[in-house]
Amino acid sequence: MAPAADREGFWGPTTSTLDWCEENYSVTWYIAEFWNTVSNLIMIIPPMFGAIQSVRDGLEKRYIASYLALTEVLQI
């Protein structure tokens, strides 16, 4: 396997000057830091389910907006 610096993924060459503790594109050609992405799903999935449930329950749009805002806030 090629070193991380030499590996180019689907999105083009790596241009960041920072590289965290995980090799880029080591698991899949589409995701640079696969395990970092997987571990962040726990921050995205619950608010998405809340937004979907709010739509199903016919709640006001402010509840849907709140859940969707949580997906953004938790990613910062």
N, C-alpha and C. Protein backbone atom coordinates (compact mmCIF):
# COMPACT_ATOMS: atom_id res chain seq x y z
N MET A 1 0.84 -1.17 0.00
CA MET A 1 0.00 0.00 0.00
C MET A 1 0.89 1.24 0.00
N ALA A 2 0.51 2.20 -0.80
CA ALA A 2 1.30 3.43 -0.92
C ALA A 2 1.18 4.27 0.34
N PRO A 3 2.20 5.05 0.65
CA PRO A 3 2.10 5.95 1.80
C PRO A 3 0.95 6.94 1.61
N ALA A 4 0.41 7.43 2.71
CA ALA A 4 -0.76 8.31 2.67
C ALA A 4 -0.52 9.56 1.83
N ALA A 5 0.66 10.10 1.88
CA ALA A 5 0.95 11.33 1.13
C ALA A 5 0.90 11.10 -0.37
N ASP A 6 1.17 9.86 -0.81
CA ASP A 6 1.18 9.56 -2.24
C ASP A 6 -0.18 9.12 -2.77
N ARG A 7 -1.10 8.84 -1.89
CA ARG A 7 -2.40 8.30 -2.28
C ARG A 7 -3.36 9.42 -2.64
N GLU A 8 -3.97 9.33 -3.80
CA GLU A 8 -4.95 10.31 -4.23
C GLU A 8 -6.31 9.64 -4.27
N GLY A 9 -7.30 10.29 -3.69
CA GLY A 9 -8.64 9.73 -3.64
C GLY A 9 -9.55 10.30 -4.71
N PHE A 10 -10.82 9.98 -4.58
CA PHE A 10 -11.84 10.41 -5.52
C PHE A 10 -11.91 11.93 -5.65
N TRP A 11 -11.69 12.64 -4.55
CA TRP A 11 -11.85 14.09 -4.51
C TRP A 11 -10.61 14.85 -4.96
N GLY A 12 -9.58 14.16 -5.37
CA GLY A 12 -8.37 14.83 -5.85
C GLY A 12 -7.24 14.69 -4.86
N PRO A 13 -6.12 15.35 -5.13
CA PRO A 13 -4.96 15.23 -4.25
C PRO A 13 -5.21 15.88 -2.88
N THR A 14 -4.52 15.38 -1.88
CA THR A 14 -4.62 15.94 -0.54
C THR A 14 -3.88 17.27 -0.51
N THR A 15 -4.59 18.33 -0.14
CA THR A 15 -3.98 19.67 -0.13
C THR A 15 -3.84 20.24 1.27
N SER A 16 -4.33 19.53 2.26
CA SER A 16 -4.26 20.03 3.64
C SER A 16 -2.84 19.95 4.18
N THR A 17 -2.50 20.92 5.00
CA THR A 17 -1.19 20.88 5.66
C THR A 17 -1.26 20.08 6.95
N LEU A 18 -2.48 19.76 7.41
CA LEU A 18 -2.67 18.95 8.62
C LEU A 18 -3.11 17.55 8.23
N ASP A 19 -2.60 16.57 8.93
CA ASP A 19 -3.04 15.20 8.72
C ASP A 19 -3.13 14.54 10.09
N TRP A 20 -4.33 14.17 10.47
CA TRP A 20 -4.55 13.61 11.79
C TRP A 20 -3.99 12.20 11.88
N CYS A 21 -4.37 11.45 12.87
CA CYS A 21 -3.72 10.17 13.18
C CYS A 21 -4.18 9.02 12.29
N GLU A 22 -4.91 9.29 11.25
CA GLU A 22 -5.42 8.24 10.38
C GLU A 22 -4.92 8.47 8.95
N GLU A 23 -4.53 7.39 8.30
CA GLU A 23 -4.08 7.51 6.91
C GLU A 23 -5.24 7.88 6.01
N ASN A 24 -4.98 8.71 5.03
CA ASN A 24 -6.01 9.11 4.08
C ASN A 24 -6.27 8.00 3.07
N TYR A 25 -7.54 7.78 2.77
CA TYR A 25 -7.99 6.83 1.76
C TYR A 25 -7.45 5.41 1.98
N SER A 26 -7.29 5.00 3.23
CA SER A 26 -6.77 3.66 3.50
C SER A 26 -7.85 2.60 3.41
N VAL A 27 -9.13 2.95 3.63
CA VAL A 27 -10.21 1.97 3.61
C VAL A 27 -10.99 2.04 2.30
N THR A 28 -11.29 3.24 1.86
CA THR A 28 -12.06 3.41 0.64
C THR A 28 -11.52 4.61 -0.15
N TRP A 29 -11.73 4.58 -1.42
CA TRP A 29 -11.24 5.61 -2.33
C TRP A 29 -12.04 6.91 -2.19
N TYR A 30 -13.24 6.84 -1.59
CA TYR A 30 -14.14 7.99 -1.51
C TYR A 30 -14.04 8.78 -0.21
N ILE A 31 -13.52 8.18 0.87
CA ILE A 31 -13.47 8.85 2.17
C ILE A 31 -12.03 8.91 2.64
N ALA A 32 -11.53 10.12 2.89
CA ALA A 32 -10.12 10.28 3.28
C ALA A 32 -9.85 9.66 4.64
N GLU A 33 -10.62 10.01 5.65
CA GLU A 33 -10.43 9.46 7.00
C GLU A 33 -11.68 8.66 7.36
N PHE A 34 -11.68 7.39 7.00
CA PHE A 34 -12.87 6.55 7.11
C PHE A 34 -13.39 6.45 8.54
N TRP A 35 -12.55 6.09 9.49
CA TRP A 35 -13.02 5.86 10.87
C TRP A 35 -13.43 7.16 11.54
N ASN A 36 -12.84 8.26 11.18
CA ASN A 36 -13.29 9.56 11.68
C ASN A 36 -14.70 9.85 11.18
N THR A 37 -14.96 9.54 9.93
CA THR A 37 -16.29 9.74 9.35
C THR A 37 -17.32 8.86 10.04
N VAL A 38 -16.99 7.58 10.24
CA VAL A 38 -17.91 6.65 10.89
C VAL A 38 -18.22 7.11 12.32
N SER A 39 -17.20 7.52 13.05
CA SER A 39 -17.43 7.94 14.43
C SER A 39 -18.26 9.22 14.52
N ASN A 40 -18.26 10.03 13.50
CA ASN A 40 -19.07 11.26 13.51
C ASN A 40 -20.53 11.01 13.14
N LEU A 41 -20.85 9.83 12.63
CA LEU A 41 -22.24 9.54 12.29
C LEU A 41 -23.13 9.57 13.52
N ILE A 42 -22.57 9.25 14.69
CA ILE A 42 -23.37 9.28 15.92
C ILE A 42 -23.83 10.70 16.25
N MET A 43 -23.17 11.69 15.71
CA MET A 43 -23.58 13.08 15.92
C MET A 43 -24.60 13.54 14.88
N ILE A 44 -24.71 12.84 13.77
CA ILE A 44 -25.59 13.26 12.69
C ILE A 44 -26.90 12.49 12.68
N ILE A 45 -26.84 11.19 12.92
CA ILE A 45 -28.01 10.32 12.76
C ILE A 45 -29.15 10.64 13.74
N PRO A 46 -28.91 10.77 15.06
CA PRO A 46 -30.05 11.05 15.96
C PRO A 46 -30.84 12.32 15.62
N PRO A 47 -30.18 13.46 15.35
CA PRO A 47 -30.98 14.64 14.97
C PRO A 47 -31.75 14.44 13.66
N MET A 48 -31.18 13.68 12.74
CA MET A 48 -31.89 13.41 11.48
C MET A 48 -33.16 12.61 11.74
N PHE A 49 -33.05 11.59 12.62
CA PHE A 49 -34.24 10.82 12.98
C PHE A 49 -35.27 11.71 13.68
N GLY A 50 -34.81 12.64 14.51
CA GLY A 50 -35.72 13.57 15.16
C GLY A 50 -36.46 14.44 14.16
N ALA A 51 -35.75 14.92 13.15
CA ALA A 51 -36.38 15.74 12.11
C ALA A 51 -37.40 14.93 11.32
N ILE A 52 -37.04 13.70 10.99
CA ILE A 52 -37.98 12.83 10.24
C ILE A 52 -39.22 12.56 11.08
N GLN A 53 -39.03 12.27 12.36
CA GLN A 53 -40.17 11.99 13.23
C GLN A 53 -41.04 13.23 13.41
N SER A 54 -40.43 14.40 13.44
CA SER A 54 -41.19 15.65 13.54
C SER A 54 -42.08 15.84 12.32
N VAL A 55 -41.57 15.50 11.15
CA VAL A 55 -42.37 15.59 9.92
C VAL A 55 -43.52 14.60 9.99
N ARG A 56 -43.23 13.37 10.39
CA ARG A 56 -44.28 12.34 10.48
C ARG A 56 -45.37 12.70 11.48
N ASP A 57 -44.97 13.33 12.58
CA ASP A 57 -45.94 13.71 13.61
C ASP A 57 -46.68 15.00 13.29
N GLY A 58 -46.28 15.66 12.21
CA GLY A 58 -46.93 16.90 11.80
C GLY A 58 -46.64 18.07 12.73
N LEU A 59 -45.47 18.07 13.34
CA LEU A 59 -45.10 19.16 14.24
C LEU A 59 -44.75 20.41 13.45
N GLU A 60 -44.67 21.51 14.18
CA GLU A 60 -44.34 22.78 13.54
C GLU A 60 -42.94 22.73 12.93
N LYS A 61 -42.74 23.57 11.94
CA LYS A 61 -41.45 23.59 11.23
C LYS A 61 -40.29 23.99 12.13
N ARG A 62 -40.56 24.69 13.22
CA ARG A 62 -39.47 25.09 14.11
C ARG A 62 -38.80 23.88 14.75
N TYR A 63 -39.55 22.80 14.97
CA TYR A 63 -38.96 21.59 15.52
C TYR A 63 -38.04 20.92 14.50
N ILE A 64 -38.48 20.89 13.28
CA ILE A 64 -37.66 20.32 12.20
C ILE A 64 -36.38 21.14 12.05
N ALA A 65 -36.52 22.46 12.05
CA ALA A 65 -35.36 23.34 11.93
C ALA A 65 -34.40 23.16 13.10
N SER A 66 -34.94 22.96 14.29
CA SER A 66 -34.09 22.76 15.47
C SER A 66 -33.27 21.48 15.34
N TYR A 67 -33.90 20.40 14.92
CA TYR A 67 -33.17 19.15 14.74
C TYR A 67 -32.10 19.27 13.66
N LEU A 68 -32.44 19.91 12.56
CA LEU A 68 -31.46 20.07 11.49
C LEU A 68 -30.33 21.00 11.91
N ALA A 69 -30.63 22.00 12.73
CA ALA A 69 -29.57 22.87 13.25
C ALA A 69 -28.63 22.09 14.16
N LEU A 70 -29.16 21.12 14.89
CA LEU A 70 -28.32 20.29 15.75
C LEU A 70 -27.29 19.51 14.95
N THR A 71 -27.65 19.07 13.76
CA THR A 71 -26.67 18.34 12.94
C THR A 71 -25.49 19.23 12.59
N GLU A 72 -25.75 20.53 12.40
CA GLU A 72 -24.68 21.47 12.08
C GLU A 72 -23.86 21.83 13.32
N VAL A 73 -24.53 22.10 14.42
CA VAL A 73 -23.85 22.51 15.65
C VAL A 73 -22.94 21.40 16.15
N LEU A 74 -23.39 20.18 16.07
CA LEU A 74 -22.61 19.05 16.58
C LEU A 74 -21.40 18.75 15.71
N GLN A 75 -21.34 19.28 14.52
CA GLN A 75 -20.21 19.03 13.63
C GLN A 75 -19.09 20.05 13.80
N ILE A 76 -19.34 21.09 14.55
CA ILE A 76 -18.33 22.15 14.73
C ILE A 76 -17.30 21.73 15.73
